[in-house]
């Protein structure tokens, strides 16, 4: 090799070394996989609750309140663990906390597939709620640590769309598994795929860019320089402080509580309607088991589209609240029209549009939260907000079940939920007026 050729190659290698790595984008892919499988794990109950064999095995046929209890107990445990366990992320770091969470999730799924009594099944639902409640807030901590403010709208959307895509895929897959094998097979499948994020989190993530071996100097400088701008030139270093002191940094901010109530209204809708949607389509609208599977996936497919649009709009405009307000209005309109329409297919599509539109609120809520809360309190703030909001959502499935048992239809419960969604839209409108 000539000297000139050698020098040319050396120059090219030097240029390559100066090119920033893109590990933060690989990280968000892992976050997407993690949340996708977590959401897949929880929605099998919505499918098997419409299966006569499962209801007979558990001894709950003709008891809609008990059917709702399966999701409500999960959500209760999920909400409590969000609040109580989320500070672990501020002390252990998000990576270790998420690994522990997925170990708990895997144990719960393994036990769920072996459950032979309703009481044991309920216990596994509580355990699943504990694991997923610990897991969820850590996603926000990772985004806060790794992404500059101008990239967070799309970064949040990238993992949040897993909440839509996974159930969309899961509904027809679980429907097939139940029809071809048994309701237990949905637990076996969920357990197997849950091992994937466990491996990815342990071997390919780090709590911060500085601790990641594959992040080069250029990417690290880019991230740290932009994070410093967020605090006017000073790094927002995470400091281990008592939980109550951390809590004061966000609990004293009234906008935090407004965001929490908006998320609570969204949670009541999503967990109430989505939990009962397969049963509604099968029993009240008369769809076959096969049709019920793919129609139940529509709200999640549309939610994916709405979340993508929301993330792009938020990053381009720097505004969160207007997206949240419009989302609320579209959701209420879609659910109302869907309930009143007579044609079954048209009604199902319009209801799916309304539920999907509600998903646009989520990137706005968490992107604004990351803007309001310092890094040291991010896990605690996200866990507290999500936990309390899900606590409201936990009431929804069992209340809808109670309403069905009293009235014999879904109508009155859905009208009440629409009013809750619109109240969240009013709060988002107030935040819009504040240019947030």
Protein backbone atom coordinates (compact mmCIF):
# COMPACT_ATOMS: atom_id res chain seq x y z
CA UNK A 1 0.00 0.00 0.00
CA UNK A 2 1.36 3.47 -0.94
CA UNK A 3 1.96 6.13 1.67
CA UNK A 4 -0.70 8.39 0.11
CA UNK A 5 -3.26 5.56 0.17
CA UNK A 6 -2.42 4.81 3.81
CA UNK A 7 -2.82 8.50 4.77
CA UNK A 8 -6.16 8.65 2.93
CA UNK A 9 -7.42 5.62 4.83
CA UNK A 10 -6.24 7.09 8.11
CA UNK A 11 -8.07 10.35 7.35
CA UNK A 12 -11.26 8.45 6.56
CA UNK A 13 -11.01 6.56 9.84
CA UNK A 14 -10.48 9.82 11.69
CA UNK A 15 -13.63 11.26 10.08
CA UNK A 16 -15.57 8.14 11.06
CA UNK A 17 -14.47 8.53 14.64
CA UNK A 18 -15.79 12.11 14.66
CA UNK A 19 -19.23 11.05 13.46
CA UNK A 20 -21.61 10.83 16.46
CA UNK A 21 -22.97 7.42 17.29
CA UNK A 22 -26.75 7.04 17.50
CA UNK A 23 -27.14 4.83 20.53
CA UNK A 24 -30.01 6.90 21.91
CA UNK A 25 -32.12 5.76 18.94
CA UNK A 26 -31.20 2.13 19.54
CA UNK A 27 -32.21 2.67 23.16
CA UNK A 28 -35.64 3.92 22.16
CA UNK A 29 -36.10 0.79 20.03
CA UNK A 30 -35.52 -1.28 23.18
CA UNK A 31 -38.01 0.89 25.07
CA UNK A 32 -40.52 0.29 22.27
CA UNK A 33 -40.02 -3.48 22.47
CA UNK A 34 -40.27 -3.42 26.27
CA UNK A 35 -43.53 -1.47 26.46
CA UNK A 36 -45.01 -3.38 23.51
CA UNK A 37 -44.58 -6.73 25.19
CA UNK A 38 -45.73 -5.34 28.55
CA UNK A 39 -48.99 -4.20 26.93
CA UNK A 40 -49.34 -7.48 25.06
CA UNK A 41 -49.06 -9.29 28.40
CA UNK A 42 -51.97 -7.44 29.94
CA UNK A 43 -54.61 -7.57 27.16
CA UNK A 44 -55.03 -11.35 26.90
CA UNK A 45 -57.66 -11.07 29.64
CA UNK A 46 -59.84 -8.91 27.36
CA UNK A 47 -59.88 -11.73 24.79
CA UNK A 48 -60.26 -14.76 27.05
CA UNK A 49 -63.01 -12.97 29.02
CA UNK A 50 -65.20 -13.45 25.94
CA UNK A 51 -64.38 -17.20 25.77
CA UNK A 52 -67.03 -19.53 27.19
CA UNK A 53 -64.46 -22.21 28.07
CA UNK A 54 -62.39 -19.83 30.17
CA UNK A 55 -65.47 -18.46 31.98
CA UNK A 56 -66.62 -22.01 32.75
CA UNK A 57 -63.17 -23.10 33.97
CA UNK A 58 -62.99 -20.12 36.31
CA UNK A 59 -66.62 -20.45 37.41
CA UNK A 60 -67.53 -16.88 36.45
CA UNK A 61 -69.90 -17.41 33.52
CA UNK A 62 -72.73 -14.85 33.61
CA UNK A 63 -70.93 -12.73 36.24
CA UNK A 64 -69.75 -9.52 34.51
CA UNK A 65 -68.66 -7.90 37.78
CA UNK A 66 -66.11 -10.67 38.33
CA UNK A 67 -64.95 -10.33 34.73
CA UNK A 68 -64.34 -6.62 35.33
CA UNK A 69 -62.57 -7.46 38.58
CA UNK A 70 -59.78 -9.25 36.68
CA UNK A 71 -58.74 -5.99 35.03
CA UNK A 72 -59.59 -3.74 37.98
CA UNK A 73 -57.37 -5.70 40.40
CA UNK A 74 -54.53 -5.61 37.89
CA UNK A 75 -54.95 -1.86 37.48
CA UNK A 76 -55.22 -1.31 41.23
CA UNK A 77 -51.91 -3.10 41.83
CA UNK A 78 -50.42 -1.35 38.82
CA UNK A 79 -51.42 2.08 40.07
CA UNK A 80 -50.20 1.51 43.62
CA UNK A 81 -46.85 0.11 42.50
CA UNK A 82 -46.39 3.06 40.13
CA UNK A 83 -46.52 5.38 43.12
CA UNK A 84 -44.85 3.22 45.77
CA UNK A 85 -42.13 1.53 43.70
CA UNK A 86 -41.24 4.24 41.16
CA UNK A 87 -38.73 5.92 43.54
CA UNK A 88 -36.61 2.78 43.09
CA UNK A 89 -35.79 4.12 39.64
CA UNK A 90 -34.31 7.27 41.17
CA UNK A 91 -32.10 5.15 43.48
CA UNK A 92 -31.33 1.91 41.62
CA UNK A 93 -31.38 3.54 38.21
CA UNK A 94 -33.96 2.77 35.50
CA UNK A 95 -32.07 -0.19 34.01
CA UNK A 96 -31.96 -2.33 37.16
CA UNK A 97 -35.50 -1.35 38.11
CA UNK A 98 -36.81 -2.42 34.69
CA UNK A 99 -35.01 -5.76 34.84
CA UNK A 100 -36.53 -6.49 38.26
CA UNK A 101 -39.93 -5.50 36.87
CA UNK A 102 -39.69 -7.91 33.95
CA UNK A 103 -38.65 -10.78 36.22
CA UNK A 104 -41.85 -10.19 38.21
CA UNK A 105 -43.88 -10.02 34.97
CA UNK A 106 -42.46 -13.34 33.74
CA UNK A 107 -43.26 -15.07 37.04
CA UNK A 108 -46.84 -13.79 36.96
CA UNK A 109 -47.41 -15.05 33.39
CA UNK A 110 -45.95 -18.45 34.13
CA UNK A 111 -48.27 -18.78 37.13
CA UNK A 112 -51.26 -17.43 35.17
CA UNK A 113 -50.99 -20.22 32.62
CA UNK A 114 -51.13 -22.79 35.43
CA UNK A 115 -54.04 -21.20 37.35
CA UNK A 116 -56.95 -23.55 37.98
CA UNK A 117 -59.08 -21.37 40.26
CA UNK A 118 -60.35 -17.81 39.93
CA UNK A 119 -58.63 -16.77 43.16
CA UNK A 120 -55.21 -17.90 41.91
CA UNK A 121 -55.78 -16.14 38.61
CA UNK A 122 -56.63 -12.91 40.44
CA UNK A 123 -53.39 -13.24 42.44
CA UNK A 124 -51.37 -13.52 39.23
CA UNK A 125 -53.13 -10.40 37.90
CA UNK A 126 -52.06 -8.50 41.02
CA UNK A 127 -48.47 -9.70 40.58
CA UNK A 128 -48.51 -8.63 36.93
CA UNK A 129 -49.74 -5.20 38.01
CA UNK A 130 -46.86 -4.87 40.48
CA UNK A 131 -44.26 -5.70 37.81
CA UNK A 132 -45.71 -3.45 35.14
CA UNK A 133 -46.30 -0.64 37.64
CA UNK A 134 -42.60 -0.64 38.49
CA UNK A 135 -41.63 -0.82 34.81
CA UNK A 136 -43.68 1.98 33.23
CA UNK A 137 -42.23 5.14 34.90
CA UNK A 138 -38.65 4.13 34.04
CA UNK A 139 -39.31 4.78 30.35
CA UNK A 140 -39.73 8.49 31.14
CA UNK A 141 -36.47 8.54 33.10
CA UNK A 142 -34.59 7.05 30.15
CA UNK A 143 -36.01 9.65 27.74
CA UNK A 144 -35.24 12.49 30.18
CA UNK A 145 -31.64 11.23 30.59
CA UNK A 146 -30.88 10.46 26.96
CA UNK A 147 -32.79 12.91 24.73
CA UNK A 148 -32.51 16.68 24.28
CA UNK A 149 -35.85 18.53 24.71
CA UNK A 150 -36.24 19.08 20.95
CA UNK A 151 -36.19 15.30 20.34
CA UNK A 152 -38.42 14.16 23.20
CA UNK A 153 -41.77 14.43 21.43
CA UNK A 154 -40.70 11.88 18.83
CA UNK A 155 -38.72 9.82 21.35
CA UNK A 156 -41.78 9.52 23.59
CA UNK A 157 -43.94 8.69 20.61
CA UNK A 158 -41.49 6.00 19.49
CA UNK A 159 -41.99 3.97 22.67
CA UNK A 160 -45.59 4.98 23.34
CA UNK A 161 -46.76 3.60 20.00
CA UNK A 162 -45.94 0.20 21.45
CA UNK A 163 -49.01 0.68 23.64
CA UNK A 164 -51.08 0.77 20.45
CA UNK A 165 -49.29 -1.66 18.13
CA UNK A 166 -48.91 -4.49 20.64
CA UNK A 167 -52.62 -4.78 21.55
CA UNK A 168 -53.51 -4.35 17.87
CA UNK A 169 -51.40 -7.39 17.04
CA UNK A 170 -52.31 -9.24 20.22
CA UNK A 171 -56.07 -9.23 19.75
CA UNK A 172 -56.12 -11.41 16.59
CA UNK A 173 -53.14 -13.49 17.78
CA UNK A 174 -54.76 -14.28 21.13
CA UNK A 175 -58.08 -14.94 19.41
CA UNK A 176 -56.33 -17.49 17.18
CA UNK A 177 -54.49 -19.11 20.10
CA UNK A 178 -57.69 -19.55 22.10
CA UNK A 179 -59.55 -21.00 19.09
CA UNK A 180 -56.69 -23.30 18.02
CA UNK A 181 -55.38 -24.37 21.44
CA UNK A 182 -56.72 -23.08 24.76
CA UNK A 183 -56.97 -19.93 26.86
CA UNK A 184 -53.85 -21.05 28.76
CA UNK A 185 -51.81 -20.76 25.55
CA UNK A 186 -52.14 -16.96 25.67
CA UNK A 187 -50.17 -16.98 28.93
CA UNK A 188 -47.54 -19.37 27.56
CA UNK A 189 -47.03 -17.17 24.49
CA UNK A 190 -46.79 -13.99 26.59
CA UNK A 191 -44.23 -15.57 28.92
CA UNK A 192 -42.00 -16.63 26.02
CA UNK A 193 -41.92 -13.21 24.34
CA UNK A 194 -41.39 -11.45 27.69
CA UNK A 195 -37.93 -12.98 27.91
CA UNK A 196 -36.82 -10.81 24.96
CA UNK A 197 -36.89 -7.38 26.69
CA UNK A 198 -35.34 -8.94 29.77
CA UNK A 199 -32.22 -9.79 27.74
CA UNK A 200 -32.17 -6.48 25.84
CA UNK A 201 -32.47 -4.36 28.99
CA UNK A 202 -29.71 -6.22 30.82
CA UNK A 203 -27.12 -6.33 28.03
CA UNK A 204 -27.79 -3.29 25.83
CA UNK A 205 -28.91 -0.36 28.01
CA UNK A 206 -27.36 2.01 30.54
CA UNK A 207 -28.90 4.57 32.88
CA UNK A 208 -27.26 7.47 31.07
CA UNK A 209 -25.25 8.10 27.88
CA UNK A 210 -22.12 8.59 29.96
CA UNK A 211 -22.40 5.03 31.32
CA UNK A 212 -22.97 3.39 27.92
CA UNK A 213 -19.85 1.85 26.36
CA UNK A 214 -21.10 2.26 22.77
CA UNK A 215 -21.74 6.01 23.01
CA UNK A 216 -18.81 7.92 21.52
CA UNK A 217 -17.52 11.31 22.60
CA UNK A 218 -19.38 13.21 19.88
CA UNK A 219 -22.81 11.82 20.70
CA UNK A 220 -22.18 12.32 24.41
CA UNK A 221 -21.19 15.96 23.87
CA UNK A 222 -24.25 16.57 21.68
CA UNK A 223 -26.62 15.15 24.31
CA UNK A 224 -24.99 16.87 27.29
CA UNK A 225 -24.75 20.24 25.54
CA UNK A 226 -28.46 20.20 24.69
CA UNK A 227 -29.47 19.00 28.14
CA UNK A 228 -27.43 21.84 29.62
CA UNK A 229 -29.38 24.36 27.51
CA UNK A 230 -32.57 23.07 29.12
CA UNK A 231 -31.28 24.37 32.46
CA UNK A 232 -29.70 27.53 31.18
CA UNK A 233 -26.19 26.14 30.82
CA UNK A 234 -25.97 23.90 33.87
CA UNK A 235 -26.31 20.14 33.86
CA UNK A 236 -29.39 18.76 35.57
CA UNK A 237 -27.54 16.05 37.46
CA UNK A 238 -29.60 13.44 39.23
CA UNK A 239 -28.94 13.53 42.97
CA UNK A 240 -30.16 10.86 45.35
CA UNK A 241 -32.50 12.66 47.75
CA UNK A 242 -35.31 11.52 50.06
CA UNK A 243 -38.56 10.80 48.24
CA UNK A 244 -40.53 13.50 50.07
CA UNK A 245 -38.00 16.14 49.05
CA UNK A 246 -38.14 14.95 45.45
CA UNK A 247 -41.92 14.87 45.57
CA UNK A 248 -42.08 18.55 46.54
CA UNK A 249 -40.39 19.47 43.24
CA UNK A 250 -43.46 18.35 41.30
CA UNK A 251 -46.29 18.11 43.85
CA UNK A 252 -46.14 21.86 44.43
CA UNK A 253 -46.68 22.54 40.71
CA UNK A 254 -50.40 22.82 39.91
CA UNK A 255 -49.72 21.94 36.26
CA UNK A 256 -48.54 18.52 37.40
CA UNK A 257 -51.96 17.89 38.92
CA UNK A 258 -53.71 19.14 35.81
CA UNK A 259 -51.68 16.70 33.71
CA UNK A 260 -52.52 13.95 36.18
CA UNK A 261 -56.27 14.60 35.85
CA UNK A 262 -56.03 14.65 32.05
CA UNK A 263 -54.21 11.31 32.15
CA UNK A 264 -56.82 9.99 34.61
CA UNK A 265 -59.64 10.85 32.21
CA UNK A 266 -57.74 9.05 29.44
CA UNK A 267 -57.14 6.05 31.70
CA UNK A 268 -60.83 5.74 32.58
CA UNK A 269 -61.70 5.65 28.89
CA UNK A 270 -58.95 3.32 27.72
CA UNK A 271 -59.22 0.73 30.48
CA UNK A 272 -63.00 0.83 30.67
CA UNK A 273 -63.94 0.71 27.01
CA UNK A 274 -60.95 -1.26 25.74
CA UNK A 275 -61.36 -3.96 28.41
CA UNK A 276 -65.00 -4.51 27.50
CA UNK A 277 -64.77 -3.85 23.76
CA UNK A 278 -64.37 -7.51 22.66
CA UNK A 279 -67.34 -8.53 24.81
CA UNK A 280 -69.39 -5.56 23.52
CA UNK A 281 -68.65 -6.42 19.90
CA UNK A 282 -69.37 -10.12 20.40
CA UNK A 283 -72.46 -9.95 22.60
CA UNK A 284 -74.15 -6.60 21.92
CA UNK A 285 -73.20 -6.00 18.28
CA UNK A 286 -73.32 -9.67 17.26
CA UNK A 287 -69.87 -9.99 15.66
CA UNK A 288 -68.45 -13.48 15.22
CA UNK A 289 -65.42 -14.60 17.25
CA UNK A 290 -63.12 -14.14 14.21
CA UNK A 291 -64.49 -10.69 13.33
CA UNK A 292 -64.34 -9.61 16.96
CA UNK A 293 -60.59 -10.28 17.01
CA UNK A 294 -59.59 -7.96 14.17
CA UNK A 295 -62.19 -5.27 14.93
CA UNK A 296 -60.93 -5.11 18.53
CA UNK A 297 -57.49 -4.26 17.13
CA UNK A 298 -58.73 -1.18 15.23
CA UNK A 299 -58.58 1.29 18.16
CA UNK A 300 -54.94 0.38 18.71
CA UNK A 301 -54.04 0.67 15.02
CA UNK A 302 -55.66 4.10 14.86
CA UNK A 303 -54.00 4.98 18.16
CA UNK A 304 -50.63 4.28 16.52
CA UNK A 305 -51.43 6.79 13.76
CA UNK A 306 -52.63 9.44 16.21
CA UNK A 307 -49.54 9.04 18.41
CA UNK A 308 -47.21 9.41 15.44
CA UNK A 309 -48.97 12.58 14.34
CA UNK A 310 -48.94 13.95 17.89
CA UNK A 311 -45.18 13.38 18.32
CA UNK A 312 -44.34 15.19 15.07
CA UNK A 313 -46.65 18.13 15.83
CA UNK A 314 -45.30 18.52 19.37
CA UNK A 315 -41.66 18.63 18.25
CA UNK A 316 -42.37 21.03 15.37
CA UNK A 317 -44.57 23.45 17.33
CA UNK A 318 -43.19 23.08 20.84
CA UNK A 319 -46.82 22.88 22.04
CA UNK A 320 -48.40 19.97 23.90
CA UNK A 321 -51.74 21.09 25.32
CA UNK A 322 -53.58 21.92 22.04
CA UNK A 323 -52.95 18.37 20.81
CA UNK A 324 -54.35 17.00 24.08
CA UNK A 325 -57.47 19.19 23.88
CA UNK A 326 -58.26 18.24 20.27
CA UNK A 327 -57.70 14.58 21.10
CA UNK A 328 -60.35 14.75 23.84
CA UNK A 329 -62.93 16.33 21.54
CA UNK A 330 -62.39 13.77 18.75
CA UNK A 331 -62.57 10.91 21.24
CA UNK A 332 -65.87 11.97 22.79
CA UNK A 333 -67.43 12.59 19.38
CA UNK A 334 -66.33 9.18 18.07
CA UNK A 335 -67.61 7.19 21.05
CA UNK A 336 -70.94 9.05 21.13
CA UNK A 337 -71.62 8.58 17.42
CA UNK A 338 -70.52 4.95 17.55
CA UNK A 339 -72.94 4.09 20.33
CA UNK A 340 -75.89 5.75 18.57
CA UNK A 341 -75.30 4.33 15.06
CA UNK A 342 -77.35 1.30 14.09
CA UNK A 343 -75.10 -0.31 11.46
CA UNK A 344 -72.75 -2.60 13.36
CA UNK A 345 -69.65 -2.23 11.18
CA UNK A 346 -69.96 1.56 10.91
CA UNK A 347 -70.52 1.83 14.66
CA UNK A 348 -67.47 -0.33 15.42
CA UNK A 349 -65.23 1.74 13.13
CA UNK A 350 -66.43 5.06 14.58
CA UNK A 351 -65.96 3.85 18.18
CA UNK A 352 -62.47 2.63 17.21
CA UNK A 353 -61.71 6.09 15.78
CA UNK A 354 -62.77 7.74 19.03
CA UNK A 355 -60.71 5.45 21.24
CA UNK A 356 -57.74 5.76 18.86
CA UNK A 357 -57.95 9.57 18.92
CA UNK A 358 -57.56 9.54 22.70
CA UNK A 359 -54.04 8.11 22.23
CA UNK A 360 -52.80 11.47 20.89
CA UNK A 361 -52.96 12.82 24.44
CA UNK A 362 -50.27 10.51 25.80
CA UNK A 363 -47.11 11.89 24.04
CA UNK A 364 -48.21 15.41 24.98
CA UNK A 365 -48.74 14.51 28.64
CA UNK A 366 -45.36 12.85 29.14
CA UNK A 367 -43.38 15.32 27.02
CA UNK A 368 -44.79 18.19 29.07
CA UNK A 369 -44.09 16.29 32.29
CA UNK A 370 -40.43 15.85 31.27
CA UNK A 371 -40.29 19.60 30.67
CA UNK A 372 -41.74 20.46 34.10
CA UNK A 373 -39.87 17.97 36.33
CA UNK A 374 -36.11 17.86 37.11
CA UNK A 375 -34.12 14.74 36.26
CA UNK A 376 -33.64 13.68 39.89
CA UNK A 377 -37.40 13.36 40.41
CA UNK A 378 -38.39 12.00 36.99
CA UNK A 379 -39.11 8.38 37.99
CA UNK A 380 -41.02 9.47 41.08
CA UNK A 381 -43.06 12.07 39.19
CA UNK A 382 -43.93 9.75 36.32
CA UNK A 383 -44.80 6.92 38.70
CA UNK A 384 -46.94 9.11 40.92
CA UNK A 385 -48.82 10.62 38.00
CA UNK A 386 -49.34 7.36 36.15
CA UNK A 387 -50.17 5.44 39.32
CA UNK A 388 -52.87 7.80 40.54
CA UNK A 389 -54.31 8.13 37.04
CA UNK A 390 -54.46 4.36 36.64
CA UNK A 391 -56.10 4.18 40.06
CA UNK A 392 -59.02 6.07 38.55
CA UNK A 393 -58.88 3.82 35.51
CA UNK A 394 -59.00 0.72 37.74
CA UNK A 395 -62.54 1.60 38.77
CA UNK A 396 -63.77 1.73 35.20
CA UNK A 397 -63.84 -1.98 34.17
CA UNK A 398 -65.71 -3.12 37.28
CA UNK A 399 -68.12 -0.16 37.18
CA UNK A 400 -68.94 -0.96 33.55
CA UNK A 401 -69.49 -4.57 34.58
CA UNK A 402 -71.83 -3.40 37.34
CA UNK A 403 -73.66 -1.13 34.89
CA UNK A 404 -74.12 -4.02 32.45
CA UNK A 405 -75.52 -6.26 35.16
CA UNK A 406 -78.03 -3.54 36.21
CA UNK A 407 -79.08 -2.06 32.84
CA UNK A 408 -78.32 -4.94 30.48
CA UNK A 409 -76.37 -2.71 28.04
CA UNK A 410 -73.27 -0.55 27.67
CA UNK A 411 -74.99 2.75 26.84
CA UNK A 412 -75.20 4.52 30.22
CA UNK A 413 -71.61 3.65 31.17
CA UNK A 414 -70.23 4.94 27.85
CA UNK A 415 -72.06 8.28 28.18
CA UNK A 416 -70.57 8.76 31.65
CA UNK A 417 -67.07 7.97 30.36
CA UNK A 418 -67.50 10.49 27.53
CA UNK A 419 -68.24 13.22 30.08
CA UNK A 420 -65.02 12.31 31.93
CA UNK A 421 -63.01 12.53 28.70
CA UNK A 422 -64.43 15.97 27.93
CA UNK A 423 -63.51 17.20 31.43
CA UNK A 424 -59.90 16.29 30.66
CA UNK A 425 -60.23 18.27 27.43
CA UNK A 426 -61.29 21.35 29.41
CA UNK A 427 -58.12 21.12 31.52
CA UNK A 428 -56.01 20.72 28.37
CA UNK A 429 -57.67 23.84 26.93
CA UNK A 430 -56.65 25.81 30.03
CA UNK A 431 -53.04 24.65 29.56
CA UNK A 432 -53.31 25.62 25.88
CA UNK A 433 -54.17 29.17 26.91
CA UNK A 434 -50.89 29.20 28.86
CA UNK A 435 -48.97 28.42 25.63
CA UNK A 436 -47.82 24.99 26.85
